[in-house]
Amino acid sequence: MSTDDKTEHNKTLQSVGLGEEAEAEIRDEVATFIAAVERRDPEAAKTAVLQIVRTTRISSGPLPAPEMLEHYQQILPNAAERIFVIFEKEAEHRHRFEMRELEERAKLQHRLLDLKSWGQRFALITVLAGMATAAWALYLGHPAAASIIGGASLAAIVGAFLYSRREAKYQKEAEAAEEADNTVER
């Protein structure tokens, strides 16, 4: 092991935050093990036991585990309280944001319903005007013009109805796919 490697190893031990006695003990064990390996002495290497323990703590949820909170509290007084305050502020912000989003969606739905309603009214007026024009053309003795105007009016309303049904079907499919994506993300 080169001098640079030993220096880097010592820095790593210090960054872990062990006490000086524990760091010295680990350094001695590592040095004994490395010396045995460098001498290629298997018996000495077997007796110089080096055990590296890596502890991984996984905390599920927005707050750290109680042990970690206690550790933070030892490092910085009131750290746990600060963490809880930050968590509460974040939760409050998220709730406000979600409520604002729900309100905006409700407003958008209301506007879309208004727009649909006005569209249906204008479609009705257009069809009635077309039928009245067809009736007037028939009254004047122009049956071909009356059938073209009346047929076009009916075809337009049937086409609009079928188009809106198809759009509603695609909208429902898109919403279902979006809901499935949101469920997977959570």
Protein backbone atom coordinates (compact mmCIF):
# COMPACT_ATOMS: atom_id res chain seq x y z
CA MET A 1 0.00 0.00 0.00
CA SER A 2 1.51 3.30 -1.03
CA THR A 3 1.83 6.32 1.25
CA ASP A 4 -0.92 8.10 -0.69
CA ASP A 5 -3.27 5.14 -0.19
CA LYS A 6 -2.55 5.11 3.56
CA THR A 7 -3.18 8.86 3.78
CA GLU A 8 -6.44 8.46 1.87
CA HIS A 9 -7.45 5.57 4.15
CA ASN A 10 -6.76 7.69 7.26
CA LYS A 11 -8.84 10.54 5.81
CA THR A 12 -11.68 8.10 5.19
CA LEU A 13 -11.54 6.87 8.79
CA GLN A 14 -11.62 10.44 10.06
CA SER A 15 -14.55 11.36 7.80
CA VAL A 16 -16.59 8.50 9.26
CA GLY A 17 -16.48 10.30 12.59
CA LEU A 18 -15.20 7.46 14.77
CA GLY A 19 -13.50 8.24 18.02
CA GLU A 20 -9.70 8.48 18.06
CA GLU A 21 -9.32 5.18 19.93
CA ALA A 22 -11.52 3.31 17.45
CA GLU A 23 -9.69 4.89 14.52
CA ALA A 24 -6.31 3.86 15.97
CA GLU A 25 -7.54 0.32 16.57
CA ILE A 26 -8.84 0.01 13.03
CA ARG A 27 -5.62 1.48 11.63
CA ASP A 28 -3.57 -1.08 13.58
CA GLU A 29 -5.73 -3.98 12.37
CA VAL A 30 -5.53 -2.76 8.78
CA ALA A 31 -1.75 -2.28 9.01
CA THR A 32 -1.30 -5.80 10.47
CA PHE A 33 -3.48 -7.31 7.74
CA ILE A 34 -1.72 -5.39 4.96
CA ALA A 35 1.73 -6.34 6.29
CA ALA A 36 0.72 -10.02 6.39
CA VAL A 37 -0.61 -9.85 2.85
CA GLU A 38 2.50 -8.03 1.60
CA ARG A 39 4.71 -10.73 3.17
CA ARG A 40 2.43 -13.30 1.57
CA ASP A 41 2.11 -15.02 4.90
CA PRO A 42 -1.30 -16.74 4.85
CA GLU A 43 -1.18 -17.78 8.52
CA ALA A 44 -0.47 -14.23 9.66
CA ALA A 45 -3.19 -12.92 7.36
CA LYS A 46 -5.67 -15.37 8.88
CA THR A 47 -4.88 -14.21 12.39
CA ALA A 48 -5.08 -10.53 11.49
CA VAL A 49 -8.84 -10.41 11.11
CA LEU A 50 -10.23 -7.39 9.44
CA GLN A 51 -13.93 -7.05 9.52
CA ILE A 52 -15.54 -4.28 7.56
CA VAL A 53 -19.11 -3.63 8.53
CA ARG A 54 -21.31 -1.52 6.37
CA THR A 55 -24.59 -0.54 7.90
CA THR A 56 -27.28 0.70 5.62
CA ARG A 57 -30.37 2.21 7.10
CA ILE A 58 -33.32 2.71 4.87
CA SER A 59 -35.98 5.02 6.09
CA SER A 60 -39.33 4.98 4.40
CA GLY A 61 -41.22 8.21 4.55
CA PRO A 62 -40.39 11.89 4.66
CA LEU A 63 -38.82 11.89 8.13
CA PRO A 64 -35.56 10.26 9.21
CA ALA A 65 -35.56 7.30 11.57
CA PRO A 66 -35.65 8.10 15.31
CA GLU A 67 -32.00 7.03 15.71
CA MET A 68 -30.97 9.50 13.03
CA LEU A 69 -33.00 12.26 14.66
CA GLU A 70 -31.22 11.53 17.94
CA HIS A 71 -27.87 11.65 16.14
CA TYR A 72 -28.77 14.99 14.53
CA GLN A 73 -29.87 16.27 17.92
CA GLN A 74 -26.41 15.44 19.34
CA ILE A 75 -24.70 17.30 16.52
CA LEU A 76 -26.95 20.35 16.53
CA PRO A 77 -29.34 21.23 19.36
CA ASN A 78 -32.97 21.58 18.19
CA ALA A 79 -32.12 19.77 14.94
CA ALA A 80 -35.03 17.34 15.31
CA GLU A 81 -37.44 20.20 15.92
CA ARG A 82 -36.09 22.03 12.87
CA ILE A 83 -36.57 18.92 10.76
CA PHE A 84 -40.18 18.60 11.93
CA VAL A 85 -40.86 22.28 11.20
CA ILE A 86 -39.44 21.90 7.70
CA PHE A 87 -41.54 18.78 7.17
CA GLU A 88 -44.71 20.54 8.36
CA LYS A 89 -44.06 23.54 6.11
CA GLU A 90 -43.42 21.28 3.13
CA ALA A 91 -46.61 19.30 3.79
CA GLU A 92 -48.62 22.50 4.12
CA HIS A 93 -47.15 23.85 0.88
CA ARG A 94 -47.91 20.58 -0.94
CA HIS A 95 -51.51 20.59 0.32
CA ARG A 96 -52.02 24.20 -0.79
CA PHE A 97 -50.55 23.38 -4.19
CA GLU A 98 -52.78 20.32 -4.61
CA MET A 99 -55.88 22.27 -3.56
CA ARG A 100 -55.03 25.02 -6.04
CA GLU A 101 -54.60 22.40 -8.76
CA LEU A 102 -57.98 20.83 -7.93
CA GLU A 103 -59.66 24.24 -7.99
CA GLU A 104 -58.12 25.03 -11.38
CA ARG A 105 -59.25 21.68 -12.77
CA ALA A 106 -62.80 22.33 -11.51
CA LYS A 107 -62.79 25.78 -13.17
CA LEU A 108 -61.53 24.25 -16.41
CA GLN A 109 -64.24 21.57 -16.32
CA HIS A 110 -66.86 24.25 -15.75
CA ARG A 111 -65.55 26.29 -18.70
CA LEU A 112 -65.57 23.21 -20.92
CA LEU A 113 -69.16 22.45 -19.97
CA ASP A 114 -70.11 26.06 -20.74
CA LEU A 115 -68.36 25.83 -24.09
CA LYS A 116 -70.14 22.55 -24.90
CA SER A 117 -73.44 24.04 -23.89
CA TRP A 118 -72.96 27.04 -26.17
CA GLY A 119 -71.83 24.75 -28.98
CA GLN A 120 -74.98 22.67 -28.65
CA ARG A 121 -77.15 25.80 -28.69
CA PHE A 122 -75.49 27.09 -31.85
CA ALA A 123 -75.78 23.65 -33.47
CA LEU A 124 -79.49 23.60 -32.69
CA ILE A 125 -79.94 27.10 -34.13
CA THR A 126 -77.96 26.12 -37.25
CA VAL A 127 -80.02 22.95 -37.80
CA LEU A 128 -83.29 24.79 -37.24
CA ALA A 129 -82.20 27.50 -39.66
CA GLY A 130 -81.21 24.84 -42.22
CA MET A 131 -84.53 23.02 -41.81
CA ALA A 132 -86.45 26.29 -42.05
CA THR A 133 -84.54 27.15 -45.23
CA ALA A 134 -85.25 23.66 -46.63
CA ALA A 135 -88.94 24.06 -45.78
CA TRP A 136 -89.00 27.49 -47.42
CA ALA A 137 -87.29 26.09 -50.56
CA LEU A 138 -89.84 23.25 -50.66
CA TYR A 139 -92.68 25.78 -50.24
CA LEU A 140 -91.29 27.77 -53.19
CA GLY A 141 -91.30 24.64 -55.35
CA HIS A 142 -87.62 23.68 -55.28
CA PRO A 143 -87.64 20.11 -53.92
CA ALA A 144 -84.04 19.35 -55.02
CA ALA A 145 -82.66 22.42 -53.19
CA ALA A 146 -84.84 21.64 -50.16
CA SER A 147 -83.54 18.06 -49.94
CA ILE A 148 -79.90 19.18 -50.34
CA ILE A 149 -80.23 21.87 -47.66
CA GLY A 150 -82.21 19.62 -45.28
CA GLY A 151 -79.89 16.65 -45.85
CA ALA A 152 -76.79 18.80 -45.30
CA SER A 153 -78.25 20.16 -42.06
CA LEU A 154 -79.03 16.68 -40.75
CA ALA A 155 -75.66 15.32 -41.91
CA ALA A 156 -73.85 18.14 -40.12
CA ILE A 157 -75.62 17.50 -36.81
CA VAL A 158 -75.17 13.71 -37.04
CA GLY A 159 -71.47 14.18 -37.91
CA ALA A 160 -70.96 16.55 -34.99
CA PHE A 161 -72.71 14.11 -32.65
CA LEU A 162 -70.56 11.17 -33.80
CA TYR A 163 -67.39 13.28 -33.59
CA SER A 164 -68.17 14.35 -30.02
CA ARG A 165 -68.82 10.73 -28.99
CA ARG A 166 -65.49 9.66 -30.47
CA GLU A 167 -63.66 12.52 -28.73
CA ALA A 168 -65.31 11.60 -25.41
CA LYS A 169 -64.12 8.01 -25.85
CA TYR A 170 -60.53 9.14 -26.54
CA GLN A 171 -60.69 11.52 -23.58
CA LYS A 172 -61.75 8.71 -21.22
CA GLU A 173 -58.96 6.46 -22.51
CA ALA A 174 -56.38 9.23 -22.04
CA GLU A 175 -57.62 9.90 -18.48
CA ALA A 176 -57.46 6.18 -17.65
CA ALA A 177 -53.90 5.97 -18.99
CA GLU A 178 -52.89 9.08 -17.02
CA GLU A 179 -54.44 7.64 -13.85
CA ALA A 180 -52.55 4.39 -14.39
CA ASP A 181 -49.29 6.35 -14.80
CA ASN A 182 -49.97 8.34 -11.62
CA THR A 183 -50.70 5.12 -9.71
CA VAL A 184 -47.41 3.59 -10.86
CA GLU A 185 -45.45 6.73 -9.81
CA ARG A 186 -46.83 6.66 -6.29
